Amino acid sequence: MRGFLTLVIVLCLISVDHAGHLAQPVTNRTFHHFARPAPPTRPGPTIEPFVRPDFAARMRRLRDAMLAAAARHNHPQLSGLSDREFAVVMATILYNENFGWAEELAPSLRMVTPLYQVAQQYANLSGIGMNFSVWPANLRPSVAAEILSGEVPLADGRVLHVRLRVEGSQIDPSRYHSQPELFAAITAEISHDELAINYLAANLERGILRAAIENQPISWRTLAAWHNQGIVDPVAIRDNPTARDYVRRAAAYLPLARALFTSNSQTNMRAI
């Protein structure tokens, strides 16, 4: 069993799609986004969306949690989005994060994806300070620590401090004296579906605040690029191959995300 887990962790390290970098030394309680590898350039405006049946069921169970989180973290006067539209952005990101471009190019990888997702979680929980992304929201512990500390990194290198509360979180980062201990505690929270939803919503709130401060237009594309690469400037998004492809892929999941929050008694949402 130990050999099998080791193999899966190796898969995490070499995965060109989801695997993160090893945690870097963190000082002065400042945490940074890590750039994700850019996918190979290929033509086509979008992809054929793929959702595992078990994940589709989880998303249906999480609809109310997403709507509640959207109500807590959206700023309609800044974002121009209704709370339901904010929830649609969350769902779009979640769908996109759970099917990567490597799985699109090599469908055989789909069967091992859940294994290396679990392996990355266990690596973070090992107590040696790993900073792998954790699903379902594909958040790194370092980014979640920024969220808990109310930190919004700006394009000029400054850090804005805001009041943020992650509903359900029991973590006070100031009480942890070591990075491995903090990252392990955060991993335990962001691997829980409903808490992951709350962290994701709080992260998108940071994206709204960052875009508003920098006078950038806000749309689902802005928030998707923020979650993926920590950028909100449309020019920066266009010039960043990873962010550009992430937004392209996310567009394929917008219809599914909208449908998740639409019932027979509701009118279709306007395009966002």
C-alpha atoms as a PDB file:
ATOM      1  CA  MET A   1       0.000   0.000   0.000  1.00  0.00           C
ATOM      2  CA  ARG A   2       2.835   2.370   0.865  1.00  0.00           C
ATOM      3  CA  GLY A   3       4.446   1.665  -2.508  1.00  0.00           C
ATOM      4  CA  PHE A   4       1.175   2.368  -4.269  1.00  0.00           C
ATOM      5  CA  LEU A   5       0.777   5.706  -2.495  1.00  0.00           C
ATOM      6  CA  THR A   6       4.362   6.580  -3.367  1.00  0.00           C
ATOM      7  CA  LEU A   7       3.601   5.862  -7.015  1.00  0.00           C
ATOM      8  CA  VAL A   8       0.531   8.043  -6.923  1.00  0.00           C
ATOM      9  CA  ILE A   9       2.510  10.871  -5.318  1.00  0.00           C
ATOM     10  CA  VAL A  10       5.046  10.561  -8.121  1.00  0.00           C
ATOM     11  CA  LEU A  11       2.167  10.943 -10.546  1.00  0.00           C
ATOM     12  CA  CYS A  12       1.267  14.140  -8.699  1.00  0.00           C
ATOM     13  CA  LEU A  13       4.758  15.496  -9.134  1.00  0.00           C
ATOM     14  CA  ILE A  14       4.945  14.819 -12.867  1.00  0.00           C
ATOM     15  CA  SER A  15       1.362  15.695 -13.723  1.00  0.00           C
ATOM     16  CA  VAL A  16       1.381  18.543 -16.228  1.00  0.00           C
ATOM     17  CA  ASP A  17      -2.178  19.446 -15.439  1.00  0.00           C
ATOM     18  CA  HIS A  18      -3.000  19.595 -11.761  1.00  0.00           C
ATOM     19  CA  ALA A  19       0.135  18.965  -9.746  1.00  0.00           C
ATOM     20  CA  GLY A  20       1.604  21.866  -7.844  1.00  0.00           C
ATOM     21  CA  HIS A  21       5.116  22.834  -6.926  1.00  0.00           C
ATOM     22  CA  LEU A  22       6.638  21.883  -3.590  1.00  0.00           C
ATOM     23  CA  ALA A  23       6.039  24.476  -0.933  1.00  0.00           C
ATOM     24  CA  GLN A  24       8.624  27.230  -0.869  1.00  0.00           C
ATOM     25  CA  PRO A  25       9.906  28.767   2.352  1.00  0.00           C
ATOM     26  CA  VAL A  26       7.346  31.254   3.652  1.00  0.00           C
ATOM     27  CA  THR A  27       8.419  34.192   5.780  1.00  0.00           C
ATOM     28  CA  ASN A  28       6.656  37.141   7.374  1.00  0.00           C
ATOM     29  CA  ARG A  29       3.317  35.362   6.884  1.00  0.00           C
ATOM     30  CA  THR A  30       3.236  36.313   3.209  1.00  0.00           C
ATOM     31  CA  PHE A  31       1.879  33.672   0.861  1.00  0.00           C
ATOM     32  CA  HIS A  32       2.023  33.736  -2.901  1.00  0.00           C
ATOM     33  CA  HIS A  33       0.209  32.212  -5.830  1.00  0.00           C
ATOM     34  CA  PHE A  34       2.233  29.631  -7.714  1.00  0.00           C
ATOM     35  CA  ALA A  35       2.088  29.762 -11.500  1.00  0.00           C
ATOM     36  CA  ARG A  36       0.538  26.692 -13.050  1.00  0.00           C
ATOM     37  CA  PRO A  37       2.125  25.144 -16.129  1.00  0.00           C
ATOM     38  CA  ALA A  38       0.724  26.363 -19.416  1.00  0.00           C
ATOM     39  CA  PRO A  39      -1.071  23.750 -21.538  1.00  0.00           C
ATOM     40  CA  PRO A  40       0.023  23.087 -25.097  1.00  0.00           C
ATOM     41  CA  THR A  41      -1.398  25.547 -27.602  1.00  0.00           C
ATOM     42  CA  ARG A  42      -4.111  24.066 -29.771  1.00  0.00           C
ATOM     43  CA  PRO A  43      -6.910  25.443 -31.941  1.00  0.00           C
ATOM     44  CA  GLY A  44     -10.567  25.514 -31.052  1.00  0.00           C
ATOM     45  CA  PRO A  45     -12.609  27.942 -28.992  1.00  0.00           C
ATOM     46  CA  THR A  46     -13.643  25.458 -26.340  1.00  0.00           C
ATOM     47  CA  ILE A  47     -13.651  21.819 -25.219  1.00  0.00           C
ATOM     48  CA  GLU A  48     -16.132  19.005 -24.862  1.00  0.00           C
ATOM     49  CA  PRO A  49     -17.112  19.339 -21.184  1.00  0.00           C
ATOM     50  CA  PHE A  50     -16.729  16.231 -19.059  1.00  0.00           C
ATOM     51  CA  VAL A  51     -18.183  15.732 -15.570  1.00  0.00           C
ATOM     52  CA  ARG A  52     -17.799  12.506 -13.633  1.00  0.00           C
ATOM     53  CA  PRO A  53     -21.201  11.188 -12.476  1.00  0.00           C
ATOM     54  CA  ASP A  54     -20.149  11.221  -8.827  1.00  0.00           C
ATOM     55  CA  PHE A  55     -18.976  14.823  -9.123  1.00  0.00           C
ATOM     56  CA  ALA A  56     -22.226  15.823 -10.826  1.00  0.00           C
ATOM     57  CA  ALA A  57     -24.104  14.417  -7.831  1.00  0.00           C
ATOM     58  CA  ARG A  58     -21.836  16.315  -5.434  1.00  0.00           C
ATOM     59  CA  MET A  59     -22.497  19.542  -7.312  1.00  0.00           C
ATOM     60  CA  ARG A  60     -26.250  19.053  -7.030  1.00  0.00           C
ATOM     61  CA  ARG A  61     -25.856  18.550  -3.285  1.00  0.00           C
ATOM     62  CA  LEU A  62     -23.789  21.716  -3.041  1.00  0.00           C
ATOM     63  CA  ARG A  63     -26.186  24.062  -4.848  1.00  0.00           C
ATOM     64  CA  ASP A  64     -27.615  25.563  -1.669  1.00  0.00           C
ATOM     65  CA  ALA A  65     -24.151  25.902  -0.147  1.00  0.00           C
ATOM     66  CA  MET A  66     -22.941  27.790  -3.220  1.00  0.00           C
ATOM     67  CA  LEU A  67     -25.922  30.137  -3.148  1.00  0.00           C
ATOM     68  CA  ALA A  68     -25.412  30.813   0.554  1.00  0.00           C
ATOM     69  CA  ALA A  69     -21.682  31.426   0.074  1.00  0.00           C
ATOM     70  CA  ALA A  70     -22.408  33.744  -2.845  1.00  0.00           C
ATOM     71  CA  ALA A  71     -24.752  35.795  -0.663  1.00  0.00           C
ATOM     72  CA  ARG A  72     -21.985  36.168   1.926  1.00  0.00           C
ATOM     73  CA  HIS A  73     -19.103  37.049  -0.391  1.00  0.00           C
ATOM     74  CA  ASN A  74     -20.492  38.747  -3.474  1.00  0.00           C
ATOM     75  CA  HIS A  75     -20.446  42.529  -3.666  1.00  0.00           C
ATOM     76  CA  PRO A  76     -23.116  43.219  -6.315  1.00  0.00           C
ATOM     77  CA  GLN A  77     -22.397  46.944  -6.309  1.00  0.00           C
ATOM     78  CA  LEU A  78     -18.792  46.166  -7.309  1.00  0.00           C
ATOM     79  CA  SER A  79     -19.101  42.941  -9.282  1.00  0.00           C
ATOM     80  CA  GLY A  80     -22.248  43.758 -11.246  1.00  0.00           C
ATOM     81  CA  LEU A  81     -23.274  40.145 -10.629  1.00  0.00           C
ATOM     82  CA  SER A  82     -26.310  38.915  -8.766  1.00  0.00           C
ATOM     83  CA  ASP A  83     -25.671  36.383  -6.022  1.00  0.00           C
ATOM     84  CA  ARG A  84     -27.018  33.655  -8.301  1.00  0.00           C
ATOM     85  CA  GLU A  85     -24.644  34.712 -11.057  1.00  0.00           C
ATOM     86  CA  PHE A  86     -21.788  34.687  -8.559  1.00  0.00           C
ATOM     87  CA  ALA A  87     -22.787  31.115  -7.666  1.00  0.00           C
ATOM     88  CA  VAL A  88     -22.721  30.243 -11.372  1.00  0.00           C
ATOM     89  CA  VAL A  89     -19.124  31.471 -11.528  1.00  0.00           C
ATOM     90  CA  MET A  90     -18.286  29.243  -8.573  1.00  0.00           C
ATOM     91  CA  ALA A  91     -19.879  26.226 -10.243  1.00  0.00           C
ATOM     92  CA  THR A  92     -18.078  26.962 -13.520  1.00  0.00           C
ATOM     93  CA  ILE A  93     -14.739  27.012 -11.716  1.00  0.00           C
ATOM     94  CA  LEU A  94     -15.504  23.803  -9.829  1.00  0.00           C
ATOM     95  CA  TYR A  95     -16.465  21.961 -13.011  1.00  0.00           C
ATOM     96  CA  ASN A  96     -13.375  23.260 -14.775  1.00  0.00           C
ATOM     97  CA  GLU A  97     -11.044  22.388 -11.913  1.00  0.00           C
ATOM     98  CA  ASN A  98     -12.172  18.783 -11.916  1.00  0.00           C
ATOM     99  CA  PHE A  99     -11.354  18.068 -15.559  1.00  0.00           C
ATOM    100  CA  GLY A 100      -7.964  19.242 -16.812  1.00  0.00           C
ATOM    101  CA  TRP A 101      -6.460  19.586 -20.237  1.00  0.00           C
ATOM    102  CA  ALA A 102      -4.186  16.562 -19.743  1.00  0.00           C
ATOM    103  CA  GLU A 103      -7.278  14.408 -19.191  1.00  0.00           C
ATOM    104  CA  GLU A 104      -8.777  15.908 -22.322  1.00  0.00           C
ATOM    105  CA  LEU A 105      -5.729  14.980 -24.395  1.00  0.00           C
ATOM    106  CA  ALA A 106      -5.265  11.577 -22.742  1.00  0.00           C
ATOM    107  CA  PRO A 107      -8.642  10.189 -21.598  1.00  0.00           C
ATOM    108  CA  SER A 108      -6.909   7.250 -19.923  1.00  0.00           C
ATOM    109  CA  LEU A 109      -5.698   9.663 -17.232  1.00  0.00           C
ATOM    110  CA  ARG A 110      -9.281  10.178 -16.076  1.00  0.00           C
ATOM    111  CA  MET A 111      -9.195   6.943 -14.097  1.00  0.00           C
ATOM    112  CA  VAL A 112      -6.151   7.999 -12.046  1.00  0.00           C
ATOM    113  CA  THR A 113      -7.170  11.604 -11.436  1.00  0.00           C
ATOM    114  CA  PRO A 114      -9.073  10.830  -8.215  1.00  0.00           C
ATOM    115  CA  LEU A 115      -6.044   8.893  -6.978  1.00  0.00           C
ATOM    116  CA  TYR A 116      -3.553  11.707  -7.326  1.00  0.00           C
ATOM    117  CA  GLN A 117      -6.076  14.171  -5.944  1.00  0.00           C
ATOM    118  CA  VAL A 118      -6.183  12.053  -2.788  1.00  0.00           C
ATOM    119  CA  ALA A 119      -2.394  11.638  -2.869  1.00  0.00           C
ATOM    120  CA  GLN A 120      -1.863  15.394  -2.935  1.00  0.00           C
ATOM    121  CA  GLN A 121      -4.194  15.756   0.027  1.00  0.00           C
ATOM    122  CA  TYR A 122      -2.267  13.145   2.016  1.00  0.00           C
ATOM    123  CA  ALA A 123       1.052  14.730   1.058  1.00  0.00           C
ATOM    124  CA  ASN A 124      -0.117  18.030   2.527  1.00  0.00           C
ATOM    125  CA  LEU A 125      -1.322  16.255   5.669  1.00  0.00           C
ATOM    126  CA  SER A 126       2.024  14.528   6.117  1.00  0.00           C
ATOM    127  CA  GLY A 127       3.347  17.342   8.284  1.00  0.00           C
ATOM    128  CA  ILE A 128       6.345  18.261   6.126  1.00  0.00           C
ATOM    129  CA  GLY A 129       4.864  21.416   4.651  1.00  0.00           C
ATOM    130  CA  MET A 130       3.663  20.333   1.224  1.00  0.00           C
ATOM    131  CA  ASN A 131       1.690  22.919  -0.724  1.00  0.00           C
ATOM    132  CA  PHE A 132      -0.119  20.819  -3.317  1.00  0.00           C
ATOM    133  CA  SER A 133      -3.488  21.913  -4.666  1.00  0.00           C
ATOM    134  CA  VAL A 134      -6.463  20.385  -2.881  1.00  0.00           C
ATOM    135  CA  TRP A 135      -9.773  19.535  -4.537  1.00  0.00           C
ATOM    136  CA  PRO A 136     -12.653  20.098  -5.112  1.00  0.00           C
ATOM    137  CA  ALA A 137     -11.749  23.792  -5.503  1.00  0.00           C
ATOM    138  CA  ASN A 138      -8.075  23.153  -6.396  1.00  0.00           C
ATOM    139  CA  LEU A 139      -6.802  25.599  -3.794  1.00  0.00           C
ATOM    140  CA  ARG A 140      -3.287  25.569  -2.419  1.00  0.00           C
ATOM    141  CA  PRO A 141      -2.911  25.825   1.367  1.00  0.00           C
ATOM    142  CA  SER A 142      -0.752  28.926   0.833  1.00  0.00           C
ATOM    143  CA  VAL A 143      -3.598  30.689  -0.983  1.00  0.00           C
ATOM    144  CA  ALA A 144      -6.117  29.536   1.624  1.00  0.00           C
ATOM    145  CA  ALA A 145      -3.810  31.001   4.288  1.00  0.00           C
ATOM    146  CA  GLU A 146      -3.920  34.343   2.473  1.00  0.00           C
ATOM    147  CA  ILE A 147      -7.715  34.136   2.491  1.00  0.00           C
ATOM    148  CA  LEU A 148      -7.857  33.400   6.223  1.00  0.00           C
ATOM    149  CA  SER A 149      -5.506  36.309   6.898  1.00  0.00           C
ATOM    150  CA  GLY A 150      -7.588  38.684   4.773  1.00  0.00           C
ATOM    151  CA  GLU A 151      -4.727  39.396   2.392  1.00  0.00           C
ATOM    152  CA  VAL A 152      -5.331  40.624  -1.150  1.00  0.00           C
ATOM    153  CA  PRO A 153      -2.077  40.827  -3.141  1.00  0.00           C
ATOM    154  CA  LEU A 154      -2.103  43.706  -5.615  1.00  0.00           C
ATOM    155  CA  ALA A 155      -0.394  43.952  -8.992  1.00  0.00           C
ATOM    156  CA  ASP A 156       2.178  46.449  -7.697  1.00  0.00           C
ATOM    157  CA  GLY A 157       3.362  44.061  -4.988  1.00  0.00           C
ATOM    158  CA  ARG A 158       1.478  45.661  -2.108  1.00  0.00           C
ATOM    159  CA  VAL A 159      -0.878  43.599   0.045  1.00  0.00           C
ATOM    160  CA  LEU A 160      -4.299  44.935   0.936  1.00  0.00           C
ATOM    161  CA  HIS A 161      -5.698  43.736   4.270  1.00  0.00           C
ATOM    162  CA  VAL A 162      -9.459  43.254   4.395  1.00  0.00           C
ATOM    163  CA  ARG A 163     -11.942  41.640   6.746  1.00  0.00           C
ATOM    164  CA  LEU A 164     -12.738  38.168   5.415  1.00  0.00           C
ATOM    165  CA  ARG A 165     -14.506  35.355   7.180  1.00  0.00           C
ATOM    166  CA  VAL A 166     -14.636  31.805   5.869  1.00  0.00           C
ATOM    167  CA  GLU A 167     -17.875  30.341   7.164  1.00  0.00           C
ATOM    168  CA  GLY A 168     -17.218  27.147   9.115  1.00  0.00           C
ATOM    169  CA  SER A 169     -13.444  27.529   9.344  1.00  0.00           C
ATOM    170  CA  GLN A 170     -11.925  26.818  12.749  1.00  0.00           C
ATOM    171  CA  ILE A 171      -8.441  28.031  11.841  1.00  0.00           C
ATOM    172  CA  ASP A 172      -6.726  31.114  13.237  1.00  0.00           C
ATOM    173  CA  PRO A 173      -3.439  31.338  11.290  1.00  0.00           C
ATOM    174  CA  SER A 174      -1.791  33.371  14.055  1.00  0.00           C
ATOM    175  CA  ARG A 175      -2.001  30.393  16.403  1.00  0.00           C
ATOM    176  CA  TYR A 176       0.220  28.205  14.224  1.00  0.00           C
ATOM    177  CA  HIS A 177       3.952  28.480  14.709  1.00  0.00           C
ATOM    178  CA  SER A 178       5.011  26.269  11.815  1.00  0.00           C
ATOM    179  CA  GLN A 179       4.069  26.259   8.164  1.00  0.00           C
ATOM    180  CA  PRO A 180       3.637  22.450   7.951  1.00  0.00           C
ATOM    181  CA  GLU A 181       1.197  22.464  10.857  1.00  0.00           C
ATOM    182  CA  LEU A 182      -0.811  25.325   9.343  1.00  0.00           C
ATOM    183  CA  PHE A 183      -0.872  23.794   5.869  1.00  0.00           C
ATOM    184  CA  ALA A 184      -1.995  20.431   7.252  1.00  0.00           C
ATOM    185  CA  ALA A 185      -4.860  22.066   9.155  1.00  0.00           C
ATOM    186  CA  ILE A 186      -5.900  24.065   6.093  1.00  0.00           C
ATOM    187  CA  THR A 187      -5.752  20.968   3.897  1.00  0.00           C
ATOM    188  CA  ALA A 188      -8.170  19.196   6.223  1.00  0.00           C
ATOM    189  CA  GLU A 189     -10.632  22.066   5.774  1.00  0.00           C
ATOM    190  CA  ILE A 190     -10.354  22.688   2.033  1.00  0.00           C
ATOM    191  CA  SER A 191     -10.755  18.984   1.263  1.00  0.00           C
ATOM    192  CA  HIS A 192     -14.225  19.149   2.851  1.00  0.00           C
ATOM    193  CA  ASP A 193     -16.801  19.986   0.168  1.00  0.00           C
ATOM    194  CA  GLU A 194     -18.815  22.671   1.937  1.00  0.00           C
ATOM    195  CA  LEU A 195     -15.765  24.338   3.459  1.00  0.00           C
ATOM    196  CA  ALA A 196     -14.084  24.289   0.047  1.00  0.00           C
ATOM    197  CA  ILE A 197     -17.123  26.120  -1.318  1.00  0.00           C
ATOM    198  CA  ASN A 198     -16.759  28.768   1.385  1.00  0.00           C
ATOM    199  CA  TYR A 199     -13.047  29.203   0.741  1.00  0.00           C
ATOM    200  CA  LEU A 200     -13.691  29.480  -3.003  1.00  0.00           C
ATOM    201  CA  ALA A 201     -16.343  32.160  -2.478  1.00  0.00           C
ATOM    202  CA  ALA A 202     -14.003  34.105  -0.191  1.00  0.00           C
ATOM    203  CA  ASN A 203     -11.242  33.841  -2.787  1.00  0.00           C
ATOM    204  CA  LEU A 204     -13.542  35.238  -5.472  1.00  0.00           C
ATOM    205  CA  GLU A 205     -14.451  38.063  -3.103  1.00  0.00           C
ATOM    206  CA  ARG A 206     -10.750  38.889  -3.029  1.00  0.00           C
ATOM    207  CA  GLY A 207     -10.773  38.914  -6.819  1.00  0.00           C
ATOM    208  CA  ILE A 208     -13.676  41.368  -6.854  1.00  0.00           C
ATOM    209  CA  LEU A 209     -11.879  43.673  -4.415  1.00  0.00           C
ATOM    210  CA  ARG A 210      -8.626  43.468  -6.358  1.00  0.00           C
ATOM    211  CA  ALA A 211     -10.361  44.276  -9.659  1.00  0.00           C
ATOM    212  CA  ALA A 212     -12.334  47.147  -8.120  1.00  0.00           C
ATOM    213  CA  ILE A 213      -9.215  48.693  -6.574  1.00  0.00           C
ATOM    214  CA  GLU A 214      -7.350  48.461  -9.871  1.00  0.00           C
ATOM    215  CA  ASN A 215     -10.347  49.706 -11.901  1.00  0.00           C
ATOM    216  CA  GLN A 216     -10.549  46.504 -13.929  1.00  0.00           C
ATOM    217  CA  PRO A 217     -13.806  45.240 -15.461  1.00  0.00           C
ATOM    218  CA  ILE A 218     -15.376  42.346 -13.581  1.00  0.00           C
ATOM    219  CA  SER A 219     -16.939  39.321 -15.250  1.00  0.00           C
ATOM    220  CA  TRP A 220     -16.869  35.573 -14.820  1.00  0.00           C
ATOM    221  CA  ARG A 221     -13.644  35.616 -16.874  1.00  0.00           C
ATOM    222  CA  THR A 222     -12.034  38.024 -14.418  1.00  0.00           C
ATOM    223  CA  LEU A 223     -12.881  35.825 -11.449  1.00  0.00           C
ATOM    224  CA  ALA A 224     -11.857  32.607 -13.206  1.00  0.00           C
ATOM    225  CA  ALA A 225      -8.454  34.073 -14.088  1.00  0.00           C
ATOM    226  CA  TRP A 226      -8.060  35.381 -10.544  1.00  0.00           C
ATOM    227  CA  HIS A 227      -8.719  31.932  -9.105  1.00  0.00           C
ATOM    228  CA  ASN A 228      -6.352  30.299 -11.573  1.00  0.00           C
ATOM    229  CA  GLN A 229      -3.464  32.753 -11.778  1.00  0.00           C
ATOM    230  CA  GLY A 230      -4.138  35.575  -9.324  1.00  0.00           C
ATOM    231  CA  ILE A 231      -4.560  38.197 -12.055  1.00  0.00           C
ATOM    232  CA  VAL A 232      -7.518  40.390 -13.047  1.00  0.00           C
ATOM    233  CA  ASP A 233      -6.202  42.727 -15.745  1.00  0.00           C
ATOM    234  CA  PRO A 234      -7.745  41.690 -19.116  1.00  0.00           C
ATOM    235  CA  VAL A 235      -4.448  42.396 -20.878  1.00  0.00           C
ATOM    236  CA  ALA A 236      -2.542  40.271 -18.366  1.00  0.00           C
ATOM    237  CA  ILE A 237      -5.123  37.496 -18.766  1.00  0.00           C
ATOM    238  CA  ARG A 238      -4.817  37.632 -22.546  1.00  0.00           C
ATOM    239  CA  ASP A 239      -1.012  37.570 -22.377  1.00  0.00           C
ATOM    240  CA  ASN A 240      -0.843  34.714 -19.858  1.00  0.00           C
ATOM    241  CA  PRO A 241      -1.118  31.384 -21.750  1.00  0.00           C
ATOM    242  CA  THR A 242      -2.285  29.457 -18.682  1.00  0.00           C
ATOM    243  CA  ALA A 243      -4.966  31.968 -17.696  1.00  0.00           C
ATOM    244  CA  ARG A 244      -6.074  32.374 -21.300  1.00  0.00           C
ATOM    245  CA  ASP A 245      -6.532  28.628 -21.756  1.00  0.00           C
ATOM    246  CA  TYR A 246      -8.206  28.292 -18.343  1.00  0.00           C
ATOM    247  CA  VAL A 247     -10.837  30.865 -19.309  1.00  0.00           C
ATOM    248  CA  ARG A 248     -11.296  29.175 -22.682  1.00  0.00           C
ATOM    249  CA  ARG A 249     -11.906  25.863 -20.970  1.00  0.00           C
ATOM    250  CA  ALA A 250     -14.182  27.385 -18.352  1.00  0.00           C
ATOM    251  CA  ALA A 251     -16.455  28.737 -21.091  1.00  0.00           C
ATOM    252  CA  ALA A 252     -17.394  25.158 -21.949  1.00  0.00           C
ATOM    253  CA  TYR A 253     -18.837  24.672 -18.460  1.00  0.00           C
ATOM    254  CA  LEU A 254     -20.927  27.846 -18.273  1.00  0.00           C
ATOM    255  CA  PRO A 255     -24.077  26.177 -19.690  1.00  0.00           C
ATOM    256  CA  LEU A 256     -23.794  23.350 -17.145  1.00  0.00           C
ATOM    257  CA  ALA A 257     -23.224  25.818 -14.336  1.00  0.00           C
ATOM    258  CA  ARG A 258     -26.244  27.890 -15.338  1.00  0.00           C
ATOM    259  CA  ALA A 259     -28.393  24.790 -15.631  1.00  0.00           C
ATOM    260  CA  LEU A 260     -27.376  23.736 -12.123  1.00  0.00           C
ATOM    261  CA  PHE A 261     -29.212  26.769 -10.737  1.00  0.00           C
ATOM    262  CA  THR A 262     -32.166  26.708 -13.106  1.00  0.00           C
ATOM    263  CA  SER A 263     -35.396  24.842 -12.418  1.00  0.00           C
ATOM    264  CA  ASN A 264     -38.571  24.545 -14.457  1.00  0.00           C
ATOM    265  CA  SER A 265     -40.143  27.336 -12.427  1.00  0.00           C
ATOM    266  CA  GLN A 266     -37.289  29.755 -13.031  1.00  0.00           C
ATOM    267  CA  THR A 267     -36.481  31.835 -16.054  1.00  0.00           C
ATOM    268  CA  ASN A 268     -33.121  31.426 -17.682  1.00  0.00           C
ATOM    269  CA  MET A 269     -30.393  33.625 -16.335  1.00  0.00           C
ATOM    270  CA  ARG A 270     -28.983  36.362 -18.480  1.00  0.00           C
ATOM    271  CA  ALA A 271     -25.508  35.745 -19.892  1.00  0.00           C
ATOM    272  CA  ILE A 272     -22.753  36.797 -17.537  1.00  0.00           C
END
